[in-house]
C-alpha atoms as a PDB file:
ATOM      1  CA  UNK A   1      28.356  64.349  10.452  1.00  0.00           C
ATOM      2  CA  UNK A   2      28.583  60.781   9.115  1.00  0.00           C
ATOM      3  CA  UNK A   3      28.494  57.833  11.510  1.00  0.00           C
ATOM      4  CA  UNK A   4      31.858  56.042  11.236  1.00  0.00           C
ATOM      5  CA  UNK A   5      30.262  52.736  12.292  1.00  0.00           C
ATOM      6  CA  UNK A   6      27.891  52.597   9.326  1.00  0.00           C
ATOM      7  CA  UNK A   7      27.897  49.281   7.495  1.00  0.00           C
ATOM      8  CA  UNK A   8      27.095  49.353   3.793  1.00  0.00           C
ATOM      9  CA  UNK A   9      26.978  46.954   0.865  1.00  0.00           C
ATOM     10  CA  UNK A  10      27.500  48.678  -2.486  1.00  0.00           C
ATOM     11  CA  UNK A  11      26.394  46.903  -5.678  1.00  0.00           C
ATOM     12  CA  UNK A  12      27.568  48.244  -9.044  1.00  0.00           C
ATOM     13  CA  UNK A  13      26.408  46.921 -12.427  1.00  0.00           C
ATOM     14  CA  UNK A  14      28.503  47.843 -15.468  1.00  0.00           C
ATOM     15  CA  UNK A  15      27.072  48.281 -19.006  1.00  0.00           C
ATOM     16  CA  UNK A  16      28.138  44.717 -19.965  1.00  0.00           C
ATOM     17  CA  UNK A  17      26.208  43.212 -17.050  1.00  0.00           C
ATOM     18  CA  UNK A  18      29.169  42.590 -14.727  1.00  0.00           C
ATOM     19  CA  UNK A  19      28.380  43.137 -11.066  1.00  0.00           C
ATOM     20  CA  UNK A  20      30.709  44.277  -8.274  1.00  0.00           C
ATOM     21  CA  UNK A  21      29.758  43.902  -4.612  1.00  0.00           C
ATOM     22  CA  UNK A  22      31.740  46.039  -2.150  1.00  0.00           C
ATOM     23  CA  UNK A  23      31.323  46.087   1.621  1.00  0.00           C
ATOM     24  CA  UNK A  24      32.336  48.890   3.977  1.00  0.00           C
ATOM     25  CA  UNK A  25      32.407  49.165   7.762  1.00  0.00           C
ATOM     26  CA  UNK A  26      32.554  45.456   8.611  1.00  0.00           C
ATOM     27  CA  UNK A  27      35.022  43.715  10.963  1.00  0.00           C
ATOM     28  CA  UNK A  28      37.010  40.632   9.947  1.00  0.00           C
ATOM     29  CA  UNK A  29      35.137  38.107   7.832  1.00  0.00           C
ATOM     30  CA  UNK A  30      31.729  39.570   8.749  1.00  0.00           C
ATOM     31  CA  UNK A  31      31.817  41.397   5.408  1.00  0.00           C
ATOM     32  CA  UNK A  32      31.631  38.028   3.647  1.00  0.00           C
ATOM     33  CA  UNK A  33      28.791  36.883   5.912  1.00  0.00           C
ATOM     34  CA  UNK A  34      26.854  40.090   5.257  1.00  0.00           C
ATOM     35  CA  UNK A  35      27.164  39.908   1.462  1.00  0.00           C
ATOM     36  CA  UNK A  36      26.773  36.123   1.098  1.00  0.00           C
ATOM     37  CA  UNK A  37      23.055  36.317   0.187  1.00  0.00           C
ATOM     38  CA  UNK A  38      23.837  38.764  -2.633  1.00  0.00           C
ATOM     39  CA  UNK A  39      26.654  36.592  -3.960  1.00  0.00           C
ATOM     40  CA  UNK A  40      24.397  33.523  -3.900  1.00  0.00           C
ATOM     41  CA  UNK A  41      21.671  35.380  -5.794  1.00  0.00           C
ATOM     42  CA  UNK A  42      24.153  36.561  -8.448  1.00  0.00           C
ATOM     43  CA  UNK A  43      25.815  33.187  -8.979  1.00  0.00           C
ATOM     44  CA  UNK A  44      29.467  32.136  -9.225  1.00  0.00           C
ATOM     45  CA  UNK A  45      31.998  34.838  -8.337  1.00  0.00           C
ATOM     46  CA  UNK A  46      34.504  35.563 -11.093  1.00  0.00           C
ATOM     47  CA  UNK A  47      37.108  36.823  -8.632  1.00  0.00           C
ATOM     48  CA  UNK A  48      37.442  38.100  -5.097  1.00  0.00           C
ATOM     49  CA  UNK A  49      39.686  40.959  -4.006  1.00  0.00           C
ATOM     50  CA  UNK A  50      40.232  41.397  -0.278  1.00  0.00           C
ATOM     51  CA  UNK A  51      41.087  44.990   0.521  1.00  0.00           C
ATOM     52  CA  UNK A  52      43.762  45.771   3.167  1.00  0.00           C
ATOM     53  CA  UNK A  53      41.035  46.622   5.657  1.00  0.00           C
ATOM     54  CA  UNK A  54      39.902  42.988   5.566  1.00  0.00           C
ATOM     55  CA  UNK A  55      42.982  42.007   7.553  1.00  0.00           C
ATOM     56  CA  UNK A  56      42.485  44.698  10.203  1.00  0.00           C
ATOM     57  CA  UNK A  57      40.467  44.175  13.370  1.00  0.00           C
ATOM     58  CA  UNK A  58      37.973  46.990  12.647  1.00  0.00           C
ATOM     59  CA  UNK A  59      36.567  48.795   9.625  1.00  0.00           C
ATOM     60  CA  UNK A  60      36.901  45.866   7.236  1.00  0.00           C
ATOM     61  CA  UNK A  61      36.094  46.154   3.548  1.00  0.00           C
ATOM     62  CA  UNK A  62      36.039  43.638   0.737  1.00  0.00           C
ATOM     63  CA  UNK A  63      35.122  43.581  -2.918  1.00  0.00           C
ATOM     64  CA  UNK A  64      33.773  40.721  -5.005  1.00  0.00           C
ATOM     65  CA  UNK A  65      33.524  40.892  -8.795  1.00  0.00           C
ATOM     66  CA  UNK A  66      30.720  38.885 -10.401  1.00  0.00           C
ATOM     67  CA  UNK A  67      30.949  37.739 -14.025  1.00  0.00           C
ATOM     68  CA  UNK A  68      28.628  38.773 -16.872  1.00  0.00           C
END
């Protein structure tokens, strides 16, 4: 049985070198705090997409797309 309180940061690199950072299991803006060091290491974000869970009190998720 999977723990529903697990916090994860998923990093995906596409064949062209674009990177997507997706957080799961965070509350409020803590997802941004948790992934900030990854974003800083990757450089300027191309765009940021806040998922509906970001605006909920619990179980927040967010996704940030890094450029090539």
